[in-house]
Amino acid sequence: MSTEKDITIDLLSSAGPESNEENGYERIDKYNQQTTHDLAHHYKGILDLIGEDTGREGLRATPMRVAKAMQFLTHGYGLKPENILKSAMFKEDYKQMVLVKNIELYSLCEHHMIPFFGKAHIAYIPNGYITGLSKLARVVDAFSRRLQVQERLTTQIRDCIQSTLKPMGVAVVIEAQHMCMLMRGVQKQNSVTTTSAFTGAFLQTATREEFIHLIGVKLY
């Protein structure tokens, strides 16, 4: 698996089309070469097993593409969410709710390795320290870019914020759609799964209700 430094380069360099010398554009990707080689070998075997012809034009480069895509989709394993928060911790005498809502998230269900996606809403009440607002979104990415279940993802985000910032309370709500329910299995196209996790002050009814109200209204 790529290191945290390598992954940062990957995220910056992975946008855009494949390398094409004829049009004067060459994309440079940095991935762990051995991991990429091994993954591509296995994905070629999978394509062969399902009856595809890996020699045809449209599939010749597919094992390598999927190998790189899988490293991107699981790059959270190379990140330390606690360090993300610590990189922008500031002393501040603010003791009211800080809420960041509608944080997009994309993850892979660990049961079928099929995507689930949605939004996370995060709030905390500082107790001497605040963190950069973007760091909350990065923590969501760090945990969601792994094989996951939504329930565990919700509590991991909560526990990371609580243990690192030590606020008076943390609230996390995730709303997501799971492709394993939409495109296979029960095939219910409009189903949405909601999970929540709270600590401290958010265990109190009034504070929790304020949080739930705020994530449901549009104030701008």
C-alpha atoms as a PDB file:
ATOM      1  CA  MET A   1       0.000   0.000   0.000  1.00  0.00           C
ATOM      2  CA  SER A   2       1.257   3.493  -0.804  1.00  0.00           C
ATOM      3  CA  THR A   3       2.568   5.702   1.950  1.00  0.00           C
ATOM      4  CA  GLU A   4       0.680   8.804   3.104  1.00  0.00           C
ATOM      5  CA  LYS A   5       3.091  10.995   1.125  1.00  0.00           C
ATOM      6  CA  ASP A   6       2.658   8.936  -2.034  1.00  0.00           C
ATOM      7  CA  ILE A   7      -1.115   9.009  -1.710  1.00  0.00           C
ATOM      8  CA  THR A   8      -1.160  12.803  -1.550  1.00  0.00           C
ATOM      9  CA  ILE A   9       0.682  12.887  -4.864  1.00  0.00           C
ATOM     10  CA  ASP A  10      -1.741  10.335  -6.293  1.00  0.00           C
ATOM     11  CA  LEU A  11      -4.757  12.469  -5.441  1.00  0.00           C
ATOM     12  CA  LEU A  12      -3.257  15.483  -7.119  1.00  0.00           C
ATOM     13  CA  SER A  13      -2.130  13.653 -10.233  1.00  0.00           C
ATOM     14  CA  SER A  14      -4.929  11.202 -10.867  1.00  0.00           C
ATOM     15  CA  ALA A  15      -7.370  13.607 -12.532  1.00  0.00           C
ATOM     16  CA  GLY A  16      -7.613  13.779 -16.277  1.00  0.00           C
ATOM     17  CA  PRO A  17      -7.361  11.353 -19.213  1.00  0.00           C
ATOM     18  CA  GLU A  18      -4.904   8.510 -19.679  1.00  0.00           C
ATOM     19  CA  SER A  19      -1.449   9.388 -20.980  1.00  0.00           C
ATOM     20  CA  ASN A  20      -1.510  10.110 -24.689  1.00  0.00           C
ATOM     21  CA  GLU A  21       1.677  11.213 -26.394  1.00  0.00           C
ATOM     22  CA  GLU A  22      -0.143  12.048 -29.631  1.00  0.00           C
ATOM     23  CA  ASN A  23      -2.071  14.952 -28.100  1.00  0.00           C
ATOM     24  CA  GLY A  24       0.946  16.227 -26.154  1.00  0.00           C
ATOM     25  CA  TYR A  25      -0.425  15.322 -22.727  1.00  0.00           C
ATOM     26  CA  GLU A  26       1.218  12.905 -20.348  1.00  0.00           C
ATOM     27  CA  ARG A  27      -0.242  12.116 -16.948  1.00  0.00           C
ATOM     28  CA  ILE A  28       2.146  11.076 -14.215  1.00  0.00           C
ATOM     29  CA  ASP A  29       0.809   8.732 -11.546  1.00  0.00           C
ATOM     30  CA  LYS A  30       2.709   7.567  -8.499  1.00  0.00           C
ATOM     31  CA  TYR A  31       1.611   4.290  -6.976  1.00  0.00           C
ATOM     32  CA  ASN A  32       3.390   1.462  -5.231  1.00  0.00           C
ATOM     33  CA  GLN A  33       4.691  -0.461  -8.226  1.00  0.00           C
ATOM     34  CA  GLN A  34       4.667  -3.902  -6.633  1.00  0.00           C
ATOM     35  CA  THR A  35       1.161  -3.461  -5.234  1.00  0.00           C
ATOM     36  CA  THR A  36      -0.082  -2.228  -8.601  1.00  0.00           C
ATOM     37  CA  HIS A  37       1.518  -5.164 -10.413  1.00  0.00           C
ATOM     38  CA  ASP A  38       0.074  -7.712  -7.987  1.00  0.00           C
ATOM     39  CA  LEU A  39      -3.415  -6.206  -8.039  1.00  0.00           C
ATOM     40  CA  ALA A  40      -3.422  -6.028 -11.848  1.00  0.00           C
ATOM     41  CA  HIS A  41      -2.436  -9.703 -12.038  1.00  0.00           C
ATOM     42  CA  HIS A  42      -5.351 -10.696  -9.817  1.00  0.00           C
ATOM     43  CA  TYR A  43      -7.853  -8.487 -11.635  1.00  0.00           C
ATOM     44  CA  LYS A  44      -6.797 -10.002 -14.959  1.00  0.00           C
ATOM     45  CA  GLY A  45      -7.552 -13.405 -13.460  1.00  0.00           C
ATOM     46  CA  ILE A  46     -10.980 -12.197 -12.315  1.00  0.00           C
ATOM     47  CA  LEU A  47     -11.806 -10.943 -15.804  1.00  0.00           C
ATOM     48  CA  ASP A  48     -10.736 -14.265 -17.275  1.00  0.00           C
ATOM     49  CA  LEU A  49     -12.889 -16.167 -14.758  1.00  0.00           C
ATOM     50  CA  ILE A  50     -16.059 -14.235 -15.631  1.00  0.00           C
ATOM     51  CA  GLY A  51     -15.548 -15.108 -19.288  1.00  0.00           C
ATOM     52  CA  GLU A  52     -14.072 -11.898 -20.666  1.00  0.00           C
ATOM     53  CA  ASP A  53     -11.296 -11.650 -23.248  1.00  0.00           C
ATOM     54  CA  THR A  54      -8.544  -9.634 -21.571  1.00  0.00           C
ATOM     55  CA  GLY A  55      -6.730  -9.428 -24.899  1.00  0.00           C
ATOM     56  CA  ARG A  56      -9.348  -7.291 -26.604  1.00  0.00           C
ATOM     57  CA  GLU A  57      -8.693  -3.576 -27.027  1.00  0.00           C
ATOM     58  CA  GLY A  58     -11.135  -2.291 -24.433  1.00  0.00           C
ATOM     59  CA  LEU A  59      -9.793  -4.549 -21.685  1.00  0.00           C
ATOM     60  CA  ARG A  60      -6.053  -4.726 -22.309  1.00  0.00           C
ATOM     61  CA  ALA A  61      -5.302  -1.904 -19.858  1.00  0.00           C
ATOM     62  CA  THR A  62      -8.261  -2.545 -17.545  1.00  0.00           C
ATOM     63  CA  PRO A  63      -6.408  -4.667 -14.932  1.00  0.00           C
ATOM     64  CA  MET A  64      -3.869  -1.873 -14.457  1.00  0.00           C
ATOM     65  CA  ARG A  65      -6.549   0.805 -14.327  1.00  0.00           C
ATOM     66  CA  VAL A  66      -8.520  -1.118 -11.720  1.00  0.00           C
ATOM     67  CA  ALA A  67      -5.356  -1.757  -9.699  1.00  0.00           C
ATOM     68  CA  LYS A  68      -4.740   1.980  -9.494  1.00  0.00           C
ATOM     69  CA  ALA A  69      -8.402   2.747  -8.857  1.00  0.00           C
ATOM     70  CA  MET A  70      -8.514   0.298  -5.950  1.00  0.00           C
ATOM     71  CA  GLN A  71      -5.491   1.943  -4.354  1.00  0.00           C
ATOM     72  CA  PHE A  72      -7.208   5.320  -4.661  1.00  0.00           C
ATOM     73  CA  LEU A  73     -10.520   4.031  -3.303  1.00  0.00           C
ATOM     74  CA  THR A  74      -8.782   2.539  -0.252  1.00  0.00           C
ATOM     75  CA  HIS A  75      -6.104   5.170   0.338  1.00  0.00           C
ATOM     76  CA  GLY A  76      -7.576   5.831   3.791  1.00  0.00           C
ATOM     77  CA  TYR A  77      -5.492   2.945   5.120  1.00  0.00           C
ATOM     78  CA  GLY A  78      -2.419   5.122   4.598  1.00  0.00           C
ATOM     79  CA  LEU A  79      -3.826   8.094   6.514  1.00  0.00           C
ATOM     80  CA  LYS A  80      -3.929   8.825  10.233  1.00  0.00           C
ATOM     81  CA  PRO A  81      -7.136  10.751  10.993  1.00  0.00           C
ATOM     82  CA  GLU A  82      -5.891  11.870  14.416  1.00  0.00           C
ATOM     83  CA  ASN A  83      -2.909  13.560  12.796  1.00  0.00           C
ATOM     84  CA  ILE A  84      -5.208  15.314  10.343  1.00  0.00           C
ATOM     85  CA  LEU A  85      -7.039  16.978  13.235  1.00  0.00           C
ATOM     86  CA  LYS A  86      -3.820  17.733  15.130  1.00  0.00           C
ATOM     87  CA  SER A  87      -2.346  19.471  12.091  1.00  0.00           C
ATOM     88  CA  ALA A  88      -4.776  22.360  12.623  1.00  0.00           C
ATOM     89  CA  MET A  89      -5.613  22.479  16.340  1.00  0.00           C
ATOM     90  CA  PHE A  90      -5.939  25.928  17.847  1.00  0.00           C
ATOM     91  CA  LYS A  91      -6.649  27.155  21.350  1.00  0.00           C
ATOM     92  CA  GLU A  92      -9.932  29.043  21.344  1.00  0.00           C
ATOM     93  CA  ASP A  93     -12.368  30.024  24.098  1.00  0.00           C
ATOM     94  CA  TYR A  94     -15.480  29.037  22.147  1.00  0.00           C
ATOM     95  CA  LYS A  95     -18.013  26.754  23.778  1.00  0.00           C
ATOM     96  CA  GLN A  96     -20.913  26.690  21.334  1.00  0.00           C
ATOM     97  CA  MET A  97     -21.752  24.131  18.692  1.00  0.00           C
ATOM     98  CA  VAL A  98     -19.547  23.897  15.591  1.00  0.00           C
ATOM     99  CA  LEU A  99     -21.397  22.141  12.789  1.00  0.00           C
ATOM    100  CA  VAL A 100     -20.221  21.080   9.331  1.00  0.00           C
ATOM    101  CA  LYS A 101     -22.966  19.377   7.364  1.00  0.00           C
ATOM    102  CA  ASN A 102     -23.459  17.836   3.932  1.00  0.00           C
ATOM    103  CA  ILE A 103     -19.910  16.450   3.728  1.00  0.00           C
ATOM    104  CA  GLU A 104     -19.879  14.141   0.703  1.00  0.00           C
ATOM    105  CA  LEU A 105     -18.568  10.660   1.356  1.00  0.00           C
ATOM    106  CA  TYR A 106     -17.800   7.688  -0.851  1.00  0.00           C
ATOM    107  CA  SER A 107     -16.884   4.280   0.469  1.00  0.00           C
ATOM    108  CA  LEU A 108     -16.856   0.570  -0.359  1.00  0.00           C
ATOM    109  CA  CYS A 109     -19.049  -1.878   1.537  1.00  0.00           C
ATOM    110  CA  GLU A 110     -16.795  -4.559   3.002  1.00  0.00           C
ATOM    111  CA  HIS A 111     -19.378  -7.279   2.368  1.00  0.00           C
ATOM    112  CA  HIS A 112     -19.532  -7.012  -1.423  1.00  0.00           C
ATOM    113  CA  MET A 113     -16.956  -4.285  -2.189  1.00  0.00           C
ATOM    114  CA  ILE A 114     -19.731  -2.301  -3.870  1.00  0.00           C
ATOM    115  CA  PRO A 115     -19.904   1.473  -3.285  1.00  0.00           C
ATOM    116  CA  PHE A 116     -22.071   3.306  -0.831  1.00  0.00           C
ATOM    117  CA  PHE A 117     -22.225   7.075  -0.861  1.00  0.00           C
ATOM    118  CA  GLY A 118     -23.965   9.953   0.847  1.00  0.00           C
ATOM    119  CA  LYS A 119     -23.399  12.783   3.293  1.00  0.00           C
ATOM    120  CA  ALA A 120     -22.001  13.156   6.774  1.00  0.00           C
ATOM    121  CA  HIS A 121     -23.039  15.815   9.292  1.00  0.00           C
ATOM    122  CA  ILE A 122     -20.579  16.511  12.110  1.00  0.00           C
ATOM    123  CA  ALA A 123     -20.837  18.778  15.151  1.00  0.00           C
ATOM    124  CA  TYR A 124     -18.757  19.262  18.276  1.00  0.00           C
ATOM    125  CA  ILE A 125     -18.717  21.626  21.230  1.00  0.00           C
ATOM    126  CA  PRO A 126     -15.148  22.819  21.858  1.00  0.00           C
ATOM    127  CA  ASN A 127     -13.513  22.544  25.236  1.00  0.00           C
ATOM    128  CA  GLY A 128     -10.451  24.736  24.775  1.00  0.00           C
ATOM    129  CA  TYR A 129      -9.495  23.638  21.252  1.00  0.00           C
ATOM    130  CA  ILE A 130     -10.975  23.920  17.786  1.00  0.00           C
ATOM    131  CA  THR A 131      -9.777  22.399  14.521  1.00  0.00           C
ATOM    132  CA  GLY A 132      -9.766  23.600  10.942  1.00  0.00           C
ATOM    133  CA  LEU A 133     -13.167  23.040   9.362  1.00  0.00           C
ATOM    134  CA  SER A 134     -11.697  21.252   6.355  1.00  0.00           C
ATOM    135  CA  LYS A 135     -10.015  18.787   8.699  1.00  0.00           C
ATOM    136  CA  LEU A 136     -13.408  17.380   9.681  1.00  0.00           C
ATOM    137  CA  ALA A 137     -14.107  16.624   6.019  1.00  0.00           C
ATOM    138  CA  ARG A 138     -10.668  15.058   5.663  1.00  0.00           C
ATOM    139  CA  VAL A 139     -11.335  12.804   8.634  1.00  0.00           C
ATOM    140  CA  VAL A 140     -14.488  11.612   6.880  1.00  0.00           C
ATOM    141  CA  ASP A 141     -12.411  10.807   3.785  1.00  0.00           C
ATOM    142  CA  ALA A 142      -9.703   9.061   5.798  1.00  0.00           C
ATOM    143  CA  PHE A 143     -12.178   6.622   7.311  1.00  0.00           C
ATOM    144  CA  SER A 144     -14.519   6.266   4.323  1.00  0.00           C
ATOM    145  CA  ARG A 145     -11.727   5.448   1.863  1.00  0.00           C
ATOM    146  CA  ARG A 146     -11.448   1.978   3.368  1.00  0.00           C
ATOM    147  CA  LEU A 147     -13.596  -1.130   3.251  1.00  0.00           C
ATOM    148  CA  GLN A 148     -16.392  -0.149   5.586  1.00  0.00           C
ATOM    149  CA  VAL A 149     -19.824  -0.628   7.046  1.00  0.00           C
ATOM    150  CA  GLN A 150     -21.775   2.556   7.668  1.00  0.00           C
ATOM    151  CA  GLU A 151     -22.303   1.804  11.345  1.00  0.00           C
ATOM    152  CA  ARG A 152     -18.585   1.498  12.067  1.00  0.00           C
ATOM    153  CA  LEU A 153     -17.731   4.486   9.899  1.00  0.00           C
ATOM    154  CA  THR A 154     -20.078   6.637  11.985  1.00  0.00           C
ATOM    155  CA  THR A 155     -18.531   5.654  15.315  1.00  0.00           C
ATOM    156  CA  GLN A 156     -14.958   5.873  14.026  1.00  0.00           C
ATOM    157  CA  ILE A 157     -15.470   9.498  13.015  1.00  0.00           C
ATOM    158  CA  ARG A 158     -17.094  10.285  16.368  1.00  0.00           C
ATOM    159  CA  ASP A 159     -14.405   8.570  18.437  1.00  0.00           C
ATOM    160  CA  CYS A 160     -11.537  10.159  16.502  1.00  0.00           C
ATOM    161  CA  ILE A 161     -12.866  13.677  17.104  1.00  0.00           C
ATOM    162  CA  GLN A 162     -13.663  12.953  20.747  1.00  0.00           C
ATOM    163  CA  SER A 163     -10.280  11.423  21.606  1.00  0.00           C
ATOM    164  CA  THR A 164      -8.229  14.015  19.701  1.00  0.00           C
ATOM    165  CA  LEU A 165      -9.968  17.317  20.446  1.00  0.00           C
ATOM    166  CA  LYS A 166     -11.524  16.213  23.757  1.00  0.00           C
ATOM    167  CA  PRO A 167     -14.568  18.457  23.234  1.00  0.00           C
ATOM    168  CA  MET A 168     -17.622  18.621  25.474  1.00  0.00           C
ATOM    169  CA  GLY A 169     -19.466  16.483  22.952  1.00  0.00           C
ATOM    170  CA  VAL A 170     -19.502  15.145  19.393  1.00  0.00           C
ATOM    171  CA  ALA A 171     -22.402  14.349  17.076  1.00  0.00           C
ATOM    172  CA  VAL A 172     -22.189  12.453  13.793  1.00  0.00           C
ATOM    173  CA  VAL A 173     -25.025  11.568  11.436  1.00  0.00           C
ATOM    174  CA  ILE A 174     -24.492   9.786   8.117  1.00  0.00           C
ATOM    175  CA  GLU A 175     -27.105   9.394   5.396  1.00  0.00           C
ATOM    176  CA  ALA A 176     -26.112   7.051   2.588  1.00  0.00           C
ATOM    177  CA  GLN A 177     -27.350   4.950  -0.283  1.00  0.00           C
ATOM    178  CA  HIS A 178     -25.859   1.494  -0.715  1.00  0.00           C
ATOM    179  CA  MET A 179     -25.410   0.101  -4.192  1.00  0.00           C
ATOM    180  CA  CYS A 180     -25.653  -3.427  -2.774  1.00  0.00           C
ATOM    181  CA  MET A 181     -29.310  -2.582  -2.037  1.00  0.00           C
ATOM    182  CA  LEU A 182     -29.914  -0.597  -5.226  1.00  0.00           C
ATOM    183  CA  MET A 183     -28.326  -2.701  -7.982  1.00  0.00           C
ATOM    184  CA  ARG A 184     -28.318  -6.227  -6.515  1.00  0.00           C
ATOM    185  CA  GLY A 185     -30.093  -8.173  -3.807  1.00  0.00           C
ATOM    186  CA  VAL A 186     -33.311  -6.483  -2.713  1.00  0.00           C
ATOM    187  CA  GLN A 187     -32.967  -3.736  -5.404  1.00  0.00           C
ATOM    188  CA  LYS A 188     -34.826  -0.981  -3.563  1.00  0.00           C
ATOM    189  CA  GLN A 189     -33.931   2.165  -5.479  1.00  0.00           C
ATOM    190  CA  ASN A 190     -35.075   4.810  -2.990  1.00  0.00           C
ATOM    191  CA  SER A 191     -33.706   3.357   0.235  1.00  0.00           C
ATOM    192  CA  VAL A 192     -31.516   5.584   2.399  1.00  0.00           C
ATOM    193  CA  THR A 193     -29.686   4.392   5.515  1.00  0.00           C
ATOM    194  CA  THR A 194     -29.195   6.807   8.425  1.00  0.00           C
ATOM    195  CA  THR A 195     -26.796   6.180  11.303  1.00  0.00           C
ATOM    196  CA  SER A 196     -25.918   8.402  14.265  1.00  0.00           C
ATOM    197  CA  ALA A 197     -23.427   8.508  17.108  1.00  0.00           C
ATOM    198  CA  PHE A 198     -23.166  10.975  20.008  1.00  0.00           C
ATOM    199  CA  THR A 199     -20.970  11.721  23.001  1.00  0.00           C
ATOM    200  CA  GLY A 200     -21.057  14.114  25.944  1.00  0.00           C
ATOM    201  CA  ALA A 201     -23.343  17.104  25.636  1.00  0.00           C
ATOM    202  CA  PHE A 202     -25.129  15.605  22.628  1.00  0.00           C
ATOM    203  CA  LEU A 203     -26.504  12.849  24.828  1.00  0.00           C
ATOM    204  CA  GLN A 204     -28.705  15.547  26.322  1.00  0.00           C
ATOM    205  CA  THR A 205     -32.039  15.816  24.542  1.00  0.00           C
ATOM    206  CA  ALA A 206     -32.019  19.589  24.009  1.00  0.00           C
ATOM    207  CA  THR A 207     -28.521  19.705  22.487  1.00  0.00           C
ATOM    208  CA  ARG A 208     -29.164  16.692  20.290  1.00  0.00           C
ATOM    209  CA  GLU A 209     -32.464  18.154  19.053  1.00  0.00           C
ATOM    210  CA  GLU A 210     -30.735  21.447  18.186  1.00  0.00           C
ATOM    211  CA  PHE A 211     -28.193  19.501  16.133  1.00  0.00           C
ATOM    212  CA  ILE A 212     -30.871  17.479  14.344  1.00  0.00           C
ATOM    213  CA  HIS A 213     -32.814  20.680  13.615  1.00  0.00           C
ATOM    214  CA  LEU A 214     -29.775  22.465  12.199  1.00  0.00           C
ATOM    215  CA  ILE A 215     -28.800  19.669   9.821  1.00  0.00           C
ATOM    216  CA  GLY A 216     -32.337  19.653   8.444  1.00  0.00           C
ATOM    217  CA  VAL A 217     -32.739  23.364   7.698  1.00  0.00           C
ATOM    218  CA  LYS A 218     -31.204  25.649   5.101  1.00  0.00           C
ATOM    219  CA  LEU A 219     -29.966  28.852   6.713  1.00  0.00           C
ATOM    220  CA  TYR A 220     -28.380  30.556   3.726  1.00  0.00           C
END
